mmCIF file of all heavy atoms, coordinates in Angstrom:
data_MODEL
# 
_entry.id   MODEL 
# 
loop_
_atom_site.group_PDB 
_atom_site.id 
_atom_site.type_symbol 
_atom_site.label_atom_id 
_atom_site.label_alt_id 
_atom_site.label_comp_id 
_atom_site.label_asym_id 
_atom_site.label_entity_id 
_atom_site.label_seq_id 
_atom_site.pdbx_PDB_ins_code 
_atom_site.Cartn_x 
_atom_site.Cartn_y 
_atom_site.Cartn_z 
_atom_site.occupancy 
_atom_site.B_iso_or_equiv 
_atom_site.pdbx_formal_charge 
_atom_site.auth_seq_id 
_atom_site.auth_comp_id 
_atom_site.auth_asym_id 
_atom_site.auth_atom_id 
_atom_site.pdbx_PDB_model_num 
ATOM 1   N N   . GLU A 1 1  ? 0.826  -1.207  0.000   1.00 0.00 ? 1  GLU A N   1 
ATOM 2   C CA  . GLU A 1 1  ? 0.000  0.000   0.000   1.00 0.00 ? 1  GLU A CA  1 
ATOM 3   C C   . GLU A 1 1  ? 0.865  1.264   0.000   1.00 0.00 ? 1  GLU A C   1 
ATOM 4   O O   . GLU A 1 1  ? 0.602  2.215   -0.764  1.00 0.00 ? 1  GLU A O   1 
ATOM 5   C CB  . GLU A 1 1  ? -0.928 0.000   1.222   1.00 0.00 ? 1  GLU A CB  1 
ATOM 6   C CG  . GLU A 1 1  ? -1.970 -1.090  1.234   1.00 0.00 ? 1  GLU A CG  1 
ATOM 7   C CD  . GLU A 1 1  ? -1.430 -2.461  1.586   1.00 0.00 ? 1  GLU A CD  1 
ATOM 8   O OE1 . GLU A 1 1  ? -0.300 -2.535  2.146   1.00 0.00 ? 1  GLU A OE1 1 
ATOM 9   O OE2 . GLU A 1 1  ? -2.112 -3.467  1.315   1.00 0.00 ? 1  GLU A OE2 1 
ATOM 10  N N   . ASP A 1 2  ? 1.887  1.278   0.848   1.00 0.00 ? 2  ASP A N   1 
ATOM 11  C CA  . ASP A 1 2  ? 2.776  2.442   0.895   1.00 0.00 ? 2  ASP A CA  1 
ATOM 12  C C   . ASP A 1 2  ? 3.623  2.536   -0.373  1.00 0.00 ? 2  ASP A C   1 
ATOM 13  O O   . ASP A 1 2  ? 3.957  3.643   -0.827  1.00 0.00 ? 2  ASP A O   1 
ATOM 14  C CB  . ASP A 1 2  ? 3.685  2.376   2.121   1.00 0.00 ? 2  ASP A CB  1 
ATOM 15  C CG  . ASP A 1 2  ? 2.928  2.624   3.426   1.00 0.00 ? 2  ASP A CG  1 
ATOM 16  O OD1 . ASP A 1 2  ? 1.810  3.174   3.351   1.00 0.00 ? 2  ASP A OD1 1 
ATOM 17  O OD2 . ASP A 1 2  ? 3.441  2.258   4.495   1.00 0.00 ? 2  ASP A OD2 1 
ATOM 18  N N   . SER A 1 3  ? 3.968  1.394   -0.951  1.00 0.00 ? 3  SER A N   1 
ATOM 19  C CA  . SER A 1 3  ? 4.705  1.391   -2.214  1.00 0.00 ? 3  SER A CA  1 
ATOM 20  C C   . SER A 1 3  ? 3.863  2.021   -3.315  1.00 0.00 ? 3  SER A C   1 
ATOM 21  O O   . SER A 1 3  ? 4.370  2.798   -4.135  1.00 0.00 ? 3  SER A O   1 
ATOM 22  C CB  . SER A 1 3  ? 5.090  -0.040  -2.601  1.00 0.00 ? 3  SER A CB  1 
ATOM 23  O OG  . SER A 1 3  ? 5.916  -0.637  -1.622  1.00 0.00 ? 3  SER A OG  1 
ATOM 24  N N   . PHE A 1 4  ? 2.579  1.694   -3.342  1.00 0.00 ? 4  PHE A N   1 
ATOM 25  C CA  . PHE A 1 4  ? 1.671  2.303   -4.318  1.00 0.00 ? 4  PHE A CA  1 
ATOM 26  C C   . PHE A 1 4  ? 1.649  3.818   -4.151  1.00 0.00 ? 4  PHE A C   1 
ATOM 27  O O   . PHE A 1 4  ? 1.668  4.570   -5.131  1.00 0.00 ? 4  PHE A O   1 
ATOM 28  C CB  . PHE A 1 4  ? 0.252  1.740   -4.151  1.00 0.00 ? 4  PHE A CB  1 
ATOM 29  C CG  . PHE A 1 4  ? 0.020  0.405   -4.798  1.00 0.00 ? 4  PHE A CG  1 
ATOM 30  C CD1 . PHE A 1 4  ? 1.056  -0.494  -4.985  1.00 0.00 ? 4  PHE A CD1 1 
ATOM 31  C CD2 . PHE A 1 4  ? -1.250 0.041   -5.213  1.00 0.00 ? 4  PHE A CD2 1 
ATOM 32  C CE1 . PHE A 1 4  ? 0.842  -1.728  -5.570  1.00 0.00 ? 4  PHE A CE1 1 
ATOM 33  C CE2 . PHE A 1 4  ? -1.484 -1.187  -5.810  1.00 0.00 ? 4  PHE A CE2 1 
ATOM 34  C CZ  . PHE A 1 4  ? -0.436 -2.077  -5.982  1.00 0.00 ? 4  PHE A CZ  1 
ATOM 35  N N   . ALA A 1 5  ? 1.594  4.275   -2.903  1.00 0.00 ? 5  ALA A N   1 
ATOM 36  C CA  . ALA A 1 5  ? 1.553  5.720   -2.636  1.00 0.00 ? 5  ALA A CA  1 
ATOM 37  C C   . ALA A 1 5  ? 2.830  6.396   -3.130  1.00 0.00 ? 5  ALA A C   1 
ATOM 38  O O   . ALA A 1 5  ? 2.785  7.497   -3.699  1.00 0.00 ? 5  ALA A O   1 
ATOM 39  C CB  . ALA A 1 5  ? 1.360  5.969   -1.137  1.00 0.00 ? 5  ALA A CB  1 
ATOM 40  N N   . ILE A 1 6  ? 3.967  5.745   -2.925  1.00 0.00 ? 6  ILE A N   1 
ATOM 41  C CA  . ILE A 1 6  ? 5.240  6.299   -3.390  1.00 0.00 ? 6  ILE A CA  1 
ATOM 42  C C   . ILE A 1 6  ? 5.247  6.382   -4.911  1.00 0.00 ? 6  ILE A C   1 
ATOM 43  O O   . ILE A 1 6  ? 5.669  7.394   -5.496  1.00 0.00 ? 6  ILE A O   1 
ATOM 44  C CB  . ILE A 1 6  ? 6.419  5.453   -2.873  1.00 0.00 ? 6  ILE A CB  1 
ATOM 45  C CG1 . ILE A 1 6  ? 6.577  5.633   -1.363  1.00 0.00 ? 6  ILE A CG1 1 
ATOM 46  C CG2 . ILE A 1 6  ? 7.713  5.826   -3.593  1.00 0.00 ? 6  ILE A CG2 1 
ATOM 47  C CD1 . ILE A 1 6  ? 7.569  4.679   -0.721  1.00 0.00 ? 6  ILE A CD1 1 
ATOM 48  N N   . MET A 1 7  ? 4.787  5.341   -5.579  1.00 0.00 ? 7  MET A N   1 
ATOM 49  C CA  . MET A 1 7  ? 4.770  5.360   -7.051  1.00 0.00 ? 7  MET A CA  1 
ATOM 50  C C   . MET A 1 7  ? 3.804  6.408   -7.581  1.00 0.00 ? 7  MET A C   1 
ATOM 51  O O   . MET A 1 7  ? 4.098  7.093   -8.574  1.00 0.00 ? 7  MET A O   1 
ATOM 52  C CB  . MET A 1 7  ? 4.438  3.960   -7.579  1.00 0.00 ? 7  MET A CB  1 
ATOM 53  C CG  . MET A 1 7  ? 5.579  2.974   -7.372  1.00 0.00 ? 7  MET A CG  1 
ATOM 54  S SD  . MET A 1 7  ? 5.320  1.332   -8.119  1.00 0.00 ? 7  MET A SD  1 
ATOM 55  C CE  . MET A 1 7  ? 4.328  0.519   -6.847  1.00 0.00 ? 7  MET A CE  1 
ATOM 56  N N   . ASP A 1 8  ? 2.648  6.556   -6.925  1.00 0.00 ? 8  ASP A N   1 
ATOM 57  C CA  . ASP A 1 8  ? 1.727  7.623   -7.321  1.00 0.00 ? 8  ASP A CA  1 
ATOM 58  C C   . ASP A 1 8  ? 2.393  8.991   -7.199  1.00 0.00 ? 8  ASP A C   1 
ATOM 59  O O   . ASP A 1 8  ? 2.295  9.840   -8.101  1.00 0.00 ? 8  ASP A O   1 
ATOM 60  C CB  . ASP A 1 8  ? 0.473  7.599   -6.442  1.00 0.00 ? 8  ASP A CB  1 
ATOM 61  C CG  . ASP A 1 8  ? -0.567 6.588   -6.902  1.00 0.00 ? 8  ASP A CG  1 
ATOM 62  O OD1 . ASP A 1 8  ? -0.563 6.226   -8.094  1.00 0.00 ? 8  ASP A OD1 1 
ATOM 63  O OD2 . ASP A 1 8  ? -1.393 6.166   -6.063  1.00 0.00 ? 8  ASP A OD2 1 
ATOM 64  N N   . ARG A 1 9  ? 3.074  9.205   -6.065  1.00 0.00 ? 9  ARG A N   1 
ATOM 65  C CA  . ARG A 1 9  ? 3.704  10.502  -5.838  1.00 0.00 ? 9  ARG A CA  1 
ATOM 66  C C   . ARG A 1 9  ? 4.840  10.734  -6.830  1.00 0.00 ? 9  ARG A C   1 
ATOM 67  O O   . ARG A 1 9  ? 5.047  11.870  -7.298  1.00 0.00 ? 9  ARG A O   1 
ATOM 68  C CB  . ARG A 1 9  ? 4.244  10.579  -4.406  1.00 0.00 ? 9  ARG A CB  1 
ATOM 69  C CG  . ARG A 1 9  ? 4.777  11.963  -4.015  1.00 0.00 ? 9  ARG A CG  1 
ATOM 70  C CD  . ARG A 1 9  ? 3.667  13.024  -3.983  1.00 0.00 ? 9  ARG A CD  1 
ATOM 71  N NE  . ARG A 1 9  ? 2.658  12.676  -3.014  1.00 0.00 ? 9  ARG A NE  1 
ATOM 72  C CZ  . ARG A 1 9  ? 2.720  12.971  -1.709  1.00 0.00 ? 9  ARG A CZ  1 
ATOM 73  N NH1 . ARG A 1 9  ? 3.775  13.623  -1.217  1.00 0.00 ? 9  ARG A NH1 1 
ATOM 74  N NH2 . ARG A 1 9  ? 1.748  12.648  -0.902  1.00 0.00 ? 9  ARG A NH2 1 
ATOM 75  N N   . ALA A 1 10 ? 5.574  9.668   -7.176  1.00 0.00 ? 10 ALA A N   1 
ATOM 76  C CA  . ALA A 1 10 ? 6.646  9.811   -8.167  1.00 0.00 ? 10 ALA A CA  1 
ATOM 77  C C   . ALA A 1 10 ? 6.089  10.313  -9.488  1.00 0.00 ? 10 ALA A C   1 
ATOM 78  O O   . ALA A 1 10 ? 6.668  11.208  -10.125 1.00 0.00 ? 10 ALA A O   1 
ATOM 79  C CB  . ALA A 1 10 ? 7.371  8.485   -8.355  1.00 0.00 ? 10 ALA A CB  1 
ATOM 80  N N   . LEU A 1 11 ? 4.962  9.771   -9.912  1.00 0.00 ? 11 LEU A N   1 
ATOM 81  C CA  . LEU A 1 11 ? 4.350  10.222  -11.164 1.00 0.00 ? 11 LEU A CA  1 
ATOM 82  C C   . LEU A 1 11 ? 3.853  11.663  -11.039 1.00 0.00 ? 11 LEU A C   1 
ATOM 83  O O   . LEU A 1 11 ? 3.953  12.444  -11.997 1.00 0.00 ? 11 LEU A O   1 
ATOM 84  C CB  . LEU A 1 11 ? 3.211  9.295   -11.563 1.00 0.00 ? 11 LEU A CB  1 
ATOM 85  C CG  . LEU A 1 11 ? 3.615  7.886   -12.027 1.00 0.00 ? 11 LEU A CG  1 
ATOM 86  C CD1 . LEU A 1 11 ? 2.383  7.073   -12.425 1.00 0.00 ? 11 LEU A CD1 1 
ATOM 87  C CD2 . LEU A 1 11 ? 4.595  7.948   -13.199 1.00 0.00 ? 11 LEU A CD2 1 
ATOM 88  N N   . GLU A 1 12 ? 3.329  12.012  -9.875  1.00 0.00 ? 12 GLU A N   1 
ATOM 89  C CA  . GLU A 1 12 ? 2.892  13.396  -9.660  1.00 0.00 ? 12 GLU A CA  1 
ATOM 90  C C   . GLU A 1 12 ? 4.057  14.362  -9.833  1.00 0.00 ? 12 GLU A C   1 
ATOM 91  O O   . GLU A 1 12 ? 3.889  15.469  -10.368 1.00 0.00 ? 12 GLU A O   1 
ATOM 92  C CB  . GLU A 1 12 ? 2.291  13.550  -8.260  1.00 0.00 ? 12 GLU A CB  1 
ATOM 93  C CG  . GLU A 1 12 ? 0.958  12.860  -8.071  1.00 0.00 ? 12 GLU A CG  1 
ATOM 94  C CD  . GLU A 1 12 ? 0.492  12.925  -6.617  1.00 0.00 ? 12 GLU A CD  1 
ATOM 95  O OE1 . GLU A 1 12 ? 1.086  13.718  -5.839  1.00 0.00 ? 12 GLU A OE1 1 
ATOM 96  O OE2 . GLU A 1 12 ? -0.442 12.189  -6.264  1.00 0.00 ? 12 GLU A OE2 1 
ATOM 97  N N   . HIS A 1 13 ? 5.229  13.954  -9.394  1.00 0.00 ? 13 HIS A N   1 
ATOM 98  C CA  . HIS A 1 13 ? 6.428  14.801  -9.496  1.00 0.00 ? 13 HIS A CA  1 
ATOM 99  C C   . HIS A 1 13 ? 7.071  14.716  -10.880 1.00 0.00 ? 13 HIS A C   1 
ATOM 100 O O   . HIS A 1 13 ? 8.025  15.457  -11.152 1.00 0.00 ? 13 HIS A O   1 
ATOM 101 C CB  . HIS A 1 13 ? 7.459  14.391  -8.447  1.00 0.00 ? 13 HIS A CB  1 
ATOM 102 C CG  . HIS A 1 13 ? 7.116  14.793  -7.047  1.00 0.00 ? 13 HIS A CG  1 
ATOM 103 N ND1 . HIS A 1 13 ? 6.751  16.085  -6.703  1.00 0.00 ? 13 HIS A ND1 1 
ATOM 104 C CD2 . HIS A 1 13 ? 7.089  14.074  -5.887  1.00 0.00 ? 13 HIS A CD2 1 
ATOM 105 C CE1 . HIS A 1 13 ? 6.520  16.143  -5.402  1.00 0.00 ? 13 HIS A CE1 1 
ATOM 106 N NE2 . HIS A 1 13 ? 6.713  14.945  -4.888  1.00 0.00 ? 13 HIS A NE2 1 
ATOM 107 N N   . GLY A 1 14 ? 6.606  13.820  -11.725 1.00 0.00 ? 14 GLY A N   1 
ATOM 108 C CA  . GLY A 1 14 ? 7.209  13.679  -13.049 1.00 0.00 ? 14 GLY A CA  1 
ATOM 109 C C   . GLY A 1 14 ? 8.418  12.765  -13.069 1.00 0.00 ? 14 GLY A C   1 
ATOM 110 O O   . GLY A 1 14 ? 9.182  12.778  -14.047 1.00 0.00 ? 14 GLY A O   1 
ATOM 111 N N   . ILE A 1 15 ? 8.632  11.970  -12.014 1.00 0.00 ? 15 ILE A N   1 
ATOM 112 C CA  . ILE A 1 15 ? 9.743  11.015  -12.008 1.00 0.00 ? 15 ILE A CA  1 
ATOM 113 C C   . ILE A 1 15 ? 9.323  9.812   -12.858 1.00 0.00 ? 15 ILE A C   1 
ATOM 114 O O   . ILE A 1 15 ? 8.521  8.986   -12.428 1.00 0.00 ? 15 ILE A O   1 
ATOM 115 C CB  . ILE A 1 15 ? 10.094 10.576  -10.568 1.00 0.00 ? 15 ILE A CB  1 
ATOM 116 C CG1 . ILE A 1 15 ? 10.543 11.788  -9.747  1.00 0.00 ? 15 ILE A CG1 1 
ATOM 117 C CG2 . ILE A 1 15 ? 11.181 9.508   -10.584 1.00 0.00 ? 15 ILE A CG2 1 
ATOM 118 C CD1 . ILE A 1 15 ? 10.800 11.485  -8.283  1.00 0.00 ? 15 ILE A CD1 1 
ATOM 119 N N   . ASN A 1 16 ? 9.877  9.732   -14.051 1.00 0.00 ? 16 ASN A N   1 
ATOM 120 C CA  . ASN A 1 16 ? 9.439  8.687   -14.992 1.00 0.00 ? 16 ASN A CA  1 
ATOM 121 C C   . ASN A 1 16 ? 10.424 7.527   -15.106 1.00 0.00 ? 16 ASN A C   1 
ATOM 122 O O   . ASN A 1 16 ? 10.172 6.579   -15.852 1.00 0.00 ? 16 ASN A O   1 
ATOM 123 C CB  . ASN A 1 16 ? 9.199  9.292   -16.384 1.00 0.00 ? 16 ASN A CB  1 
ATOM 124 C CG  . ASN A 1 16 ? 10.489 9.620   -17.116 1.00 0.00 ? 16 ASN A CG  1 
ATOM 125 O OD1 . ASN A 1 16 ? 11.522 9.910   -16.502 1.00 0.00 ? 16 ASN A OD1 1 
ATOM 126 N ND2 . ASN A 1 16 ? 10.437 9.580   -18.445 1.00 0.00 ? 16 ASN A ND2 1 
ATOM 127 N N   . PHE A 1 17 ? 11.539 7.575   -14.396 1.00 0.00 ? 17 PHE A N   1 
ATOM 128 C CA  . PHE A 1 17 ? 12.591 6.570   -14.484 1.00 0.00 ? 17 PHE A CA  1 
ATOM 129 C C   . PHE A 1 17 ? 12.559 5.742   -13.208 1.00 0.00 ? 17 PHE A C   1 
ATOM 130 O O   . PHE A 1 17 ? 12.847 6.254   -12.119 1.00 0.00 ? 17 PHE A O   1 
ATOM 131 C CB  . PHE A 1 17 ? 13.940 7.280   -14.656 1.00 0.00 ? 17 PHE A CB  1 
ATOM 132 C CG  . PHE A 1 17 ? 15.075 6.391   -15.071 1.00 0.00 ? 17 PHE A CG  1 
ATOM 133 C CD1 . PHE A 1 17 ? 14.873 5.141   -15.630 1.00 0.00 ? 17 PHE A CD1 1 
ATOM 134 C CD2 . PHE A 1 17 ? 16.394 6.828   -14.908 1.00 0.00 ? 17 PHE A CD2 1 
ATOM 135 C CE1 . PHE A 1 17 ? 15.931 4.341   -16.021 1.00 0.00 ? 17 PHE A CE1 1 
ATOM 136 C CE2 . PHE A 1 17 ? 17.464 6.036   -15.299 1.00 0.00 ? 17 PHE A CE2 1 
ATOM 137 C CZ  . PHE A 1 17 ? 17.225 4.793   -15.846 1.00 0.00 ? 17 PHE A CZ  1 
ATOM 138 N N   . TRP A 1 18 ? 12.198 4.432   -13.324 1.00 0.00 ? 18 TRP A N   1 
ATOM 139 C CA  . TRP A 1 18 ? 12.047 3.573   -12.163 1.00 0.00 ? 18 TRP A CA  1 
ATOM 140 C C   . TRP A 1 18 ? 12.943 2.354   -12.327 1.00 0.00 ? 18 TRP A C   1 
ATOM 141 O O   . TRP A 1 18 ? 12.981 1.728   -13.387 1.00 0.00 ? 18 TRP A O   1 
ATOM 142 C CB  . TRP A 1 18 ? 10.598 3.120   -11.997 1.00 0.00 ? 18 TRP A CB  1 
ATOM 143 C CG  . TRP A 1 18 ? 9.618  4.233   -11.748 1.00 0.00 ? 18 TRP A CG  1 
ATOM 144 C CD1 . TRP A 1 18 ? 9.856  5.575   -11.771 1.00 0.00 ? 18 TRP A CD1 1 
ATOM 145 C CD2 . TRP A 1 18 ? 8.227  4.075   -11.449 1.00 0.00 ? 18 TRP A CD2 1 
ATOM 146 N NE1 . TRP A 1 18 ? 8.707  6.274   -11.497 1.00 0.00 ? 18 TRP A NE1 1 
ATOM 147 C CE2 . TRP A 1 18 ? 7.681  5.380   -11.305 1.00 0.00 ? 18 TRP A CE2 1 
ATOM 148 C CE3 . TRP A 1 18 ? 7.396  2.972   -11.295 1.00 0.00 ? 18 TRP A CE3 1 
ATOM 149 C CZ2 . TRP A 1 18 ? 6.335  5.587   -11.013 1.00 0.00 ? 18 TRP A CZ2 1 
ATOM 150 C CZ3 . TRP A 1 18 ? 6.051  3.184   -11.005 1.00 0.00 ? 18 TRP A CZ3 1 
ATOM 151 C CH2 . TRP A 1 18 ? 5.533  4.481   -10.863 1.00 0.00 ? 18 TRP A CH2 1 
ATOM 152 N N   . ASP A 1 19 ? 13.621 1.983   -11.247 1.00 0.00 ? 19 ASP A N   1 
ATOM 153 C CA  . ASP A 1 19 ? 14.567 0.874   -11.290 1.00 0.00 ? 19 ASP A CA  1 
ATOM 154 C C   . ASP A 1 19 ? 14.202 -0.210  -10.283 1.00 0.00 ? 19 ASP A C   1 
ATOM 155 O O   . ASP A 1 19 ? 13.847 0.080   -9.146  1.00 0.00 ? 19 ASP A O   1 
ATOM 156 C CB  . ASP A 1 19 ? 15.978 1.389   -10.971 1.00 0.00 ? 19 ASP A CB  1 
ATOM 157 C CG  . ASP A 1 19 ? 17.004 0.263   -10.935 1.00 0.00 ? 19 ASP A CG  1 
ATOM 158 O OD1 . ASP A 1 19 ? 17.380 -0.223  -12.015 1.00 0.00 ? 19 ASP A OD1 1 
ATOM 159 O OD2 . ASP A 1 19 ? 17.405 -0.128  -9.828  1.00 0.00 ? 19 ASP A OD2 1 
ATOM 160 N N   . THR A 1 20 ? 14.308 -1.468  -10.716 1.00 0.00 ? 20 THR A N   1 
ATOM 161 C CA  . THR A 1 20 ? 14.073 -2.598  -9.838  1.00 0.00 ? 20 THR A CA  1 
ATOM 162 C C   . THR A 1 20 ? 15.008 -3.734  -10.234 1.00 0.00 ? 20 THR A C   1 
ATOM 163 O O   . THR A 1 20 ? 15.931 -3.538  -11.025 1.00 0.00 ? 20 THR A O   1 
ATOM 164 C CB  . THR A 1 20 ? 12.586 -3.019  -9.867  1.00 0.00 ? 20 THR A CB  1 
ATOM 165 O OG1 . THR A 1 20 ? 12.343 -3.948  -8.821  1.00 0.00 ? 20 THR A OG1 1 
ATOM 166 C CG2 . THR A 1 20 ? 12.198 -3.609  -11.217 1.00 0.00 ? 20 THR A CG2 1 
ATOM 167 N N   . ALA A 1 21 ? 14.781 -4.923  -9.680  1.00 0.00 ? 21 ALA A N   1 
ATOM 168 C CA  . ALA A 1 21 ? 15.573 -6.100  -10.035 1.00 0.00 ? 21 ALA A CA  1 
ATOM 169 C C   . ALA A 1 21 ? 14.782 -7.350  -9.696  1.00 0.00 ? 21 ALA A C   1 
ATOM 170 O O   . ALA A 1 21 ? 13.912 -7.334  -8.811  1.00 0.00 ? 21 ALA A O   1 
ATOM 171 C CB  . ALA A 1 21 ? 16.914 -6.113  -9.298  1.00 0.00 ? 21 ALA A CB  1 
ATOM 172 N N   . ASP A 1 22 ? 15.112 -8.443  -10.385 1.00 0.00 ? 22 ASP A N   1 
ATOM 173 C CA  . ASP A 1 22 ? 14.379 -9.688  -10.172 1.00 0.00 ? 22 ASP A CA  1 
ATOM 174 C C   . ASP A 1 22 ? 14.559 -10.254 -8.770  1.00 0.00 ? 22 ASP A C   1 
ATOM 175 O O   . ASP A 1 22 ? 13.727 -11.029 -8.305  1.00 0.00 ? 22 ASP A O   1 
ATOM 176 C CB  . ASP A 1 22 ? 14.771 -10.737 -11.218 1.00 0.00 ? 22 ASP A CB  1 
ATOM 177 C CG  . ASP A 1 22 ? 16.274 -10.988 -11.307 1.00 0.00 ? 22 ASP A CG  1 
ATOM 178 O OD1 . ASP A 1 22 ? 17.036 -10.407 -10.496 1.00 0.00 ? 22 ASP A OD1 1 
ATOM 179 O OD2 . ASP A 1 22 ? 16.690 -11.753 -12.193 1.00 0.00 ? 22 ASP A OD2 1 
ATOM 180 N N   . VAL A 1 23 ? 15.635 -9.889  -8.070  1.00 0.00 ? 23 VAL A N   1 
ATOM 181 C CA  . VAL A 1 23 ? 15.883 -10.427 -6.731  1.00 0.00 ? 23 VAL A CA  1 
ATOM 182 C C   . VAL A 1 23 ? 15.403 -9.520  -5.600  1.00 0.00 ? 23 VAL A C   1 
ATOM 183 O O   . VAL A 1 23 ? 15.474 -9.902  -4.432  1.00 0.00 ? 23 VAL A O   1 
ATOM 184 C CB  . VAL A 1 23 ? 17.385 -10.735 -6.525  1.00 0.00 ? 23 VAL A CB  1 
ATOM 185 C CG1 . VAL A 1 23 ? 17.818 -11.877 -7.414  1.00 0.00 ? 23 VAL A CG1 1 
ATOM 186 C CG2 . VAL A 1 23 ? 18.237 -9.490  -6.778  1.00 0.00 ? 23 VAL A CG2 1 
ATOM 187 N N   . TYR A 1 24 ? 14.920 -8.324  -5.915  1.00 0.00 ? 24 TYR A N   1 
ATOM 188 C CA  . TYR A 1 24 ? 14.472 -7.436  -4.852  1.00 0.00 ? 24 TYR A CA  1 
ATOM 189 C C   . TYR A 1 24 ? 13.250 -8.041  -4.159  1.00 0.00 ? 24 TYR A C   1 
ATOM 190 O O   . TYR A 1 24 ? 12.359 -8.590  -4.807  1.00 0.00 ? 24 TYR A O   1 
ATOM 191 C CB  . TYR A 1 24 ? 14.134 -6.055  -5.392  1.00 0.00 ? 24 TYR A CB  1 
ATOM 192 C CG  . TYR A 1 24 ? 15.337 -5.240  -5.821  1.00 0.00 ? 24 TYR A CG  1 
ATOM 193 C CD1 . TYR A 1 24 ? 15.178 -4.023  -6.456  1.00 0.00 ? 24 TYR A CD1 1 
ATOM 194 C CD2 . TYR A 1 24 ? 16.628 -5.685  -5.584  1.00 0.00 ? 24 TYR A CD2 1 
ATOM 195 C CE1 . TYR A 1 24 ? 16.278 -3.259  -6.858  1.00 0.00 ? 24 TYR A CE1 1 
ATOM 196 C CE2 . TYR A 1 24 ? 17.727 -4.945  -5.979  1.00 0.00 ? 24 TYR A CE2 1 
ATOM 197 C CZ  . TYR A 1 24 ? 17.545 -3.737  -6.621  1.00 0.00 ? 24 TYR A CZ  1 
ATOM 198 O OH  . TYR A 1 24 ? 18.626 -2.995  -7.015  1.00 0.00 ? 24 TYR A OH  1 
ATOM 199 N N   . GLY A 1 25 ? 13.230 -7.899  -2.863  1.00 0.00 ? 25 GLY A N   1 
ATOM 200 C CA  . GLY A 1 25 ? 12.266 -8.585  -2.030  1.00 0.00 ? 25 GLY A CA  1 
ATOM 201 C C   . GLY A 1 25 ? 12.965 -9.658  -1.235  1.00 0.00 ? 25 GLY A C   1 
ATOM 202 O O   . GLY A 1 25 ? 12.504 -10.068 -0.172  1.00 0.00 ? 25 GLY A O   1 
ATOM 203 N N   . TRP A 1 26 ? 14.107 -10.128 -1.783  1.00 0.00 ? 26 TRP A N   1 
ATOM 204 C CA  . TRP A 1 26 ? 15.046 -11.005 -1.094  1.00 0.00 ? 26 TRP A CA  1 
ATOM 205 C C   . TRP A 1 26 ? 14.416 -12.305 -0.605  1.00 0.00 ? 26 TRP A C   1 
ATOM 206 O O   . TRP A 1 26 ? 14.799 -12.840 0.426   1.00 0.00 ? 26 TRP A O   1 
ATOM 207 C CB  . TRP A 1 26 ? 15.750 -10.251 0.034   1.00 0.00 ? 26 TRP A CB  1 
ATOM 208 C CG  . TRP A 1 26 ? 16.252 -8.926  -0.445  1.00 0.00 ? 26 TRP A CG  1 
ATOM 209 C CD1 . TRP A 1 26 ? 15.829 -7.695  -0.060  1.00 0.00 ? 26 TRP A CD1 1 
ATOM 210 C CD2 . TRP A 1 26 ? 17.245 -8.690  -1.461  1.00 0.00 ? 26 TRP A CD2 1 
ATOM 211 N NE1 . TRP A 1 26 ? 16.496 -6.702  -0.748  1.00 0.00 ? 26 TRP A NE1 1 
ATOM 212 C CE2 . TRP A 1 26 ? 17.371 -7.288  -1.614  1.00 0.00 ? 26 TRP A CE2 1 
ATOM 213 C CE3 . TRP A 1 26 ? 18.034 -9.524  -2.250  1.00 0.00 ? 26 TRP A CE3 1 
ATOM 214 C CZ2 . TRP A 1 26 ? 18.249 -6.692  -2.523  1.00 0.00 ? 26 TRP A CZ2 1 
ATOM 215 C CZ3 . TRP A 1 26 ? 18.907 -8.937  -3.160  1.00 0.00 ? 26 TRP A CZ3 1 
ATOM 216 C CH2 . TRP A 1 26 ? 19.013 -7.543  -3.287  1.00 0.00 ? 26 TRP A CH2 1 
ATOM 217 N N   . LYS A 1 27 ? 13.428 -12.807 -1.358  1.00 0.00 ? 27 LYS A N   1 
ATOM 218 C CA  . LYS A 1 27 ? 12.899 -14.153 -1.158  1.00 0.00 ? 27 LYS A CA  1 
ATOM 219 C C   . LYS A 1 27 ? 13.145 -14.909 -2.450  1.00 0.00 ? 27 LYS A C   1 
ATOM 220 O O   . LYS A 1 27 ? 12.584 -14.545 -3.489  1.00 0.00 ? 27 LYS A O   1 
ATOM 221 C CB  . LYS A 1 27 ? 11.409 -14.111 -0.809  1.00 0.00 ? 27 LYS A CB  1 
ATOM 222 C CG  . LYS A 1 27 ? 11.110 -13.477 0.539   1.00 0.00 ? 27 LYS A CG  1 
ATOM 223 C CD  . LYS A 1 27 ? 9.626  -13.537 0.867   1.00 0.00 ? 27 LYS A CD  1 
ATOM 224 C CE  . LYS A 1 27 ? 9.348  -12.937 2.239   1.00 0.00 ? 27 LYS A CE  1 
ATOM 225 N NZ  . LYS A 1 27 ? 7.901  -12.976 2.575   1.00 0.00 ? 27 LYS A NZ  1 
ATOM 226 N N   . LEU A 1 28 ? 13.999 -15.908 -2.386  1.00 0.00 ? 28 LEU A N   1 
ATOM 227 C CA  . LEU A 1 28 ? 14.516 -16.567 -3.579  1.00 0.00 ? 28 LEU A CA  1 
ATOM 228 C C   . LEU A 1 28 ? 13.408 -16.965 -4.550  1.00 0.00 ? 28 LEU A C   1 
ATOM 229 O O   . LEU A 1 28 ? 12.529 -17.758 -4.221  1.00 0.00 ? 28 LEU A O   1 
ATOM 230 C CB  . LEU A 1 28 ? 15.320 -17.804 -3.183  1.00 0.00 ? 28 LEU A CB  1 
ATOM 231 C CG  . LEU A 1 28 ? 16.091 -18.493 -4.310  1.00 0.00 ? 28 LEU A CG  1 
ATOM 232 C CD1 . LEU A 1 28 ? 17.191 -17.577 -4.834  1.00 0.00 ? 28 LEU A CD1 1 
ATOM 233 C CD2 . LEU A 1 28 ? 16.690 -19.813 -3.817  1.00 0.00 ? 28 LEU A CD2 1 
ATOM 234 N N   . GLY A 1 29 ? 13.474 -16.393 -5.745  1.00 0.00 ? 29 GLY A N   1 
ATOM 235 C CA  . GLY A 1 29 ? 12.566 -16.765 -6.815  1.00 0.00 ? 29 GLY A CA  1 
ATOM 236 C C   . GLY A 1 29 ? 11.184 -16.157 -6.747  1.00 0.00 ? 29 GLY A C   1 
ATOM 237 O O   . GLY A 1 29 ? 10.365 -16.393 -7.642  1.00 0.00 ? 29 GLY A O   1 
ATOM 238 N N   . GLU A 1 30 ? 10.889 -15.357 -5.727  1.00 0.00 ? 30 GLU A N   1 
ATOM 239 C CA  . GLU A 1 30 ? 9.517  -14.857 -5.571  1.00 0.00 ? 30 GLU A CA  1 
ATOM 240 C C   . GLU A 1 30 ? 9.263  -13.514 -6.238  1.00 0.00 ? 30 GLU A C   1 
ATOM 241 O O   . GLU A 1 30 ? 8.115  -13.105 -6.387  1.00 0.00 ? 30 GLU A O   1 
ATOM 242 C CB  . GLU A 1 30 ? 9.153  -14.776 -4.078  1.00 0.00 ? 30 GLU A CB  1 
ATOM 243 C CG  . GLU A 1 30 ? 9.078  -16.149 -3.413  1.00 0.00 ? 30 GLU A CG  1 
ATOM 244 C CD  . GLU A 1 30 ? 8.466  -16.086 -2.033  1.00 0.00 ? 30 GLU A CD  1 
ATOM 245 O OE1 . GLU A 1 30 ? 7.761  -15.105 -1.716  1.00 0.00 ? 30 GLU A OE1 1 
ATOM 246 O OE2 . GLU A 1 30 ? 8.690  -17.040 -1.254  1.00 0.00 ? 30 GLU A OE2 1 
# 
């Protein structure tokens, strides 16, 4: 829920460049 709020606010500010990775969350394979 808080992640959604952060992404909404990023778009409000015009931040269009978002970075992630397949291992983020740190639960193997999830």
